[in-house]
Amino acid sequence: AAAGLSYVGGYVIKTYKSYDNFLQDKYALLPAVIILCVAVVMFIIGLIGCCATFRESRVGLGLFLAIILIIFVAEVSAFVLGFVYREKVKTDVQGTMHSVFEKYDGKNPESAVVDYLQEQLHCCGVKNYSDWTTTQWFNSTRNSSVPLSCCRQDLKNCTGRLDQPQEL
């Protein structure tokens, strides 16, 4: 379990690098760091449990049970907090995404991140392609189109025009 959590925490930190422009909050990596810390603690607790079992120590097994119960309570608390604050996180991420989409010009680093995000997640805009109609980029191009990263990947001749939404 500790190895699995270590992998998940490391993967989240590695993936964060691709989306760090959208997650400008300095605490965005906190869950991944917590996961890695929990993995280390679980490894140590696993060693305590193994040693206590091997030596058939009642005190060691009692300590192991107490630690497992504390971890269970912490997991339930984390689940409840995640459930309670999910809307706040959603609102914060959407607000940040709107500000990054507003800076899109097709050339700056934020633009590359937006294009990467849309291509990887097979999406267009924050909620849908109509989000682009309020950006400076859309108004400056004056051709009623969205970035080509909005196009479906199976289409080769997509122009990103809004009058052809089936291509987006």
Protein backbone atom coordinates (compact mmCIF):
# COMPACT_ATOMS: atom_id res chain seq x y z
CA ALA A 1 0.00 0.00 0.00
CA ALA A 2 2.86 2.37 0.81
CA ALA A 3 4.47 1.72 -2.58
CA GLY A 4 1.13 2.33 -4.31
CA LEU A 5 0.62 5.62 -2.47
CA SER A 6 4.18 6.68 -3.27
CA TYR A 7 3.51 6.07 -6.95
CA VAL A 8 0.26 8.06 -6.85
CA GLY A 9 1.89 10.98 -5.00
CA GLY A 10 4.83 11.05 -7.39
CA TYR A 11 2.55 10.84 -10.41
CA VAL A 12 0.43 13.75 -9.17
CA ILE A 13 3.54 15.88 -8.64
CA LYS A 14 4.87 14.97 -12.09
CA THR A 15 1.52 15.69 -13.74
CA TYR A 16 1.24 19.01 -11.88
CA LYS A 17 4.08 20.38 -13.99
CA SER A 18 1.83 20.27 -17.08
CA TYR A 19 -1.04 22.09 -15.41
CA ASP A 20 0.70 24.47 -12.99
CA ASN A 21 -0.57 27.54 -14.87
CA PHE A 22 -4.13 26.52 -14.04
CA LEU A 23 -3.40 25.78 -10.41
CA GLN A 24 -1.83 29.00 -9.20
CA ASP A 25 -2.73 28.26 -5.59
CA LYS A 26 0.44 27.52 -3.64
CA TYR A 27 -1.35 24.71 -1.81
CA ALA A 28 -2.30 22.79 -4.95
CA LEU A 29 0.46 20.22 -4.37
CA LEU A 30 -0.39 19.77 -0.71
CA PRO A 31 -2.52 16.64 -1.29
CA ALA A 32 0.33 14.97 -3.19
CA VAL A 33 2.81 15.82 -0.43
CA ILE A 34 0.39 14.47 2.17
CA ILE A 35 0.01 11.27 0.16
CA LEU A 36 3.80 10.82 0.10
CA CYS A 37 4.05 11.46 3.85
CA VAL A 38 1.27 8.96 4.50
CA ALA A 39 3.14 6.42 2.37
CA VAL A 40 6.27 6.81 4.49
CA VAL A 41 4.25 6.51 7.70
CA MET A 42 2.43 3.43 6.35
CA PHE A 43 5.75 1.79 5.52
CA ILE A 44 7.02 2.38 9.06
CA ILE A 45 3.74 1.15 10.55
CA GLY A 46 3.91 -1.94 8.35
CA LEU A 47 7.36 -2.68 9.69
CA ILE A 48 6.09 -2.27 13.27
CA GLY A 49 3.20 -4.65 12.54
CA CYS A 50 5.49 -7.23 10.96
CA CYS A 51 8.00 -7.07 13.82
CA ALA A 52 5.21 -7.28 16.43
CA THR A 53 3.69 -10.28 14.67
CA PHE A 54 7.03 -12.00 14.26
CA ARG A 55 7.87 -11.53 17.96
CA GLU A 56 4.26 -12.21 19.01
CA SER A 57 4.33 -9.05 21.15
CA ARG A 58 0.94 -8.07 22.62
CA VAL A 59 2.12 -4.50 23.25
CA GLY A 60 3.43 -4.16 19.70
CA LEU A 61 0.21 -5.54 18.22
CA GLY A 62 -1.84 -3.22 20.44
CA LEU A 63 0.24 -0.26 19.26
CA PHE A 64 -0.22 -1.41 15.68
CA LEU A 65 -4.03 -1.60 16.16
CA ALA A 66 -4.13 1.90 17.70
CA ILE A 67 -2.13 3.36 14.83
CA ILE A 68 -4.37 1.65 12.25
CA LEU A 69 -7.47 3.09 13.97
CA ILE A 70 -5.96 6.59 13.96
CA ILE A 71 -5.21 6.25 10.24
CA PHE A 72 -8.78 5.11 9.60
CA VAL A 73 -10.18 8.17 11.41
CA ALA A 74 -7.83 10.42 9.42
CA GLU A 75 -8.97 8.86 6.13
CA VAL A 76 -12.64 9.36 7.01
CA SER A 77 -11.89 12.99 7.97
CA ALA A 78 -10.06 13.58 4.69
CA PHE A 79 -12.99 12.11 2.75
CA VAL A 80 -15.49 14.34 4.55
CA LEU A 81 -13.36 17.47 4.03
CA GLY A 82 -12.92 16.63 0.36
CA PHE A 83 -16.66 16.19 -0.02
CA VAL A 84 -17.45 19.44 1.80
CA TYR A 85 -14.94 21.61 -0.09
CA ARG A 86 -15.35 20.12 -3.58
CA GLU A 87 -17.44 23.05 -4.84
CA LYS A 88 -14.91 25.60 -3.58
CA VAL A 89 -12.12 23.78 -5.39
CA LYS A 90 -14.24 23.57 -8.55
CA THR A 91 -15.01 27.30 -8.42
CA ASP A 92 -11.37 28.23 -7.76
CA VAL A 93 -10.08 26.09 -10.63
CA GLN A 94 -12.70 27.43 -13.06
CA GLY A 95 -11.86 31.02 -12.10
CA THR A 96 -8.15 30.42 -12.63
CA MET A 97 -8.83 28.66 -15.93
CA HIS A 98 -10.93 31.58 -17.17
CA SER A 99 -8.07 33.99 -16.38
CA VAL A 100 -5.55 31.77 -18.22
CA PHE A 101 -7.90 31.45 -21.22
CA GLU A 102 -8.23 35.25 -21.22
CA LYS A 103 -4.43 35.55 -21.64
CA TYR A 104 -4.44 33.18 -24.63
CA ASP A 105 -2.82 34.68 -27.73
CA GLY A 106 -1.49 31.56 -29.47
CA LYS A 107 2.15 32.44 -28.72
CA ASN A 108 2.81 32.81 -24.99
CA PRO A 109 3.54 29.93 -22.56
CA GLU A 110 -0.01 30.05 -21.18
CA SER A 111 -1.28 29.45 -24.71
CA ALA A 112 0.84 26.33 -25.03
CA VAL A 113 -0.56 25.05 -21.73
CA VAL A 114 -4.14 25.73 -22.88
CA ASP A 115 -3.53 23.93 -26.17
CA TYR A 116 -1.91 20.98 -24.36
CA LEU A 117 -4.79 20.78 -21.89
CA GLN A 118 -7.47 20.85 -24.59
CA GLU A 119 -5.68 18.24 -26.69
CA GLN A 120 -5.01 15.88 -23.76
CA LEU A 121 -8.48 16.13 -22.22
CA HIS A 122 -10.31 16.28 -25.58
CA CYS A 123 -12.18 19.41 -24.54
CA CYS A 124 -12.69 22.98 -25.66
CA GLY A 125 -12.90 25.85 -23.21
CA VAL A 126 -13.64 25.63 -19.50
CA LYS A 127 -17.18 24.27 -19.91
CA ASN A 128 -17.58 24.21 -23.71
CA TYR A 129 -16.45 26.00 -26.88
CA SER A 130 -18.68 29.01 -26.20
CA ASP A 131 -16.26 30.07 -23.42
CA TRP A 132 -13.92 31.28 -26.16
CA THR A 133 -16.38 33.91 -27.40
CA THR A 134 -15.61 36.17 -24.43
CA THR A 135 -11.80 36.08 -24.74
CA GLN A 136 -9.58 38.77 -26.20
CA TRP A 137 -8.11 36.25 -28.63
CA PHE A 138 -11.52 35.46 -30.11
CA ASN A 139 -12.35 39.14 -30.50
CA SER A 140 -8.95 39.95 -32.04
CA THR A 141 -9.10 37.18 -34.67
CA ARG A 142 -12.56 38.28 -35.90
CA ASN A 143 -13.08 34.99 -37.73
CA SER A 144 -15.55 33.28 -35.34
CA SER A 145 -13.22 30.42 -34.59
CA VAL A 146 -11.61 28.78 -31.61
CA PRO A 147 -7.99 27.51 -31.37
CA LEU A 148 -7.20 24.46 -33.43
CA SER A 149 -6.51 22.53 -30.22
CA CYS A 150 -10.31 22.44 -29.82
CA CYS A 151 -10.68 20.34 -32.97
CA ARG A 152 -11.44 16.64 -32.73
CA GLN A 153 -8.23 14.73 -33.29
CA ASP A 154 -9.77 12.41 -35.87
CA LEU A 155 -10.51 15.34 -38.22
CA LYS A 156 -7.69 16.64 -40.42
CA ASN A 157 -9.37 19.66 -42.07
CA CYS A 158 -10.88 21.26 -38.98
CA THR A 159 -10.71 25.06 -38.99
CA GLY A 160 -12.13 25.68 -35.51
CA ARG A 161 -15.05 27.71 -36.85
CA LEU A 162 -18.04 28.03 -34.55
CA ASP A 163 -20.49 27.42 -37.38
CA GLN A 164 -19.19 23.80 -37.44
CA PRO A 165 -19.51 22.73 -33.78
CA GLN A 166 -19.58 19.04 -34.71
CA GLU A 167 -15.85 19.34 -35.49
CA LEU A 168 -15.01 20.64 -32.01
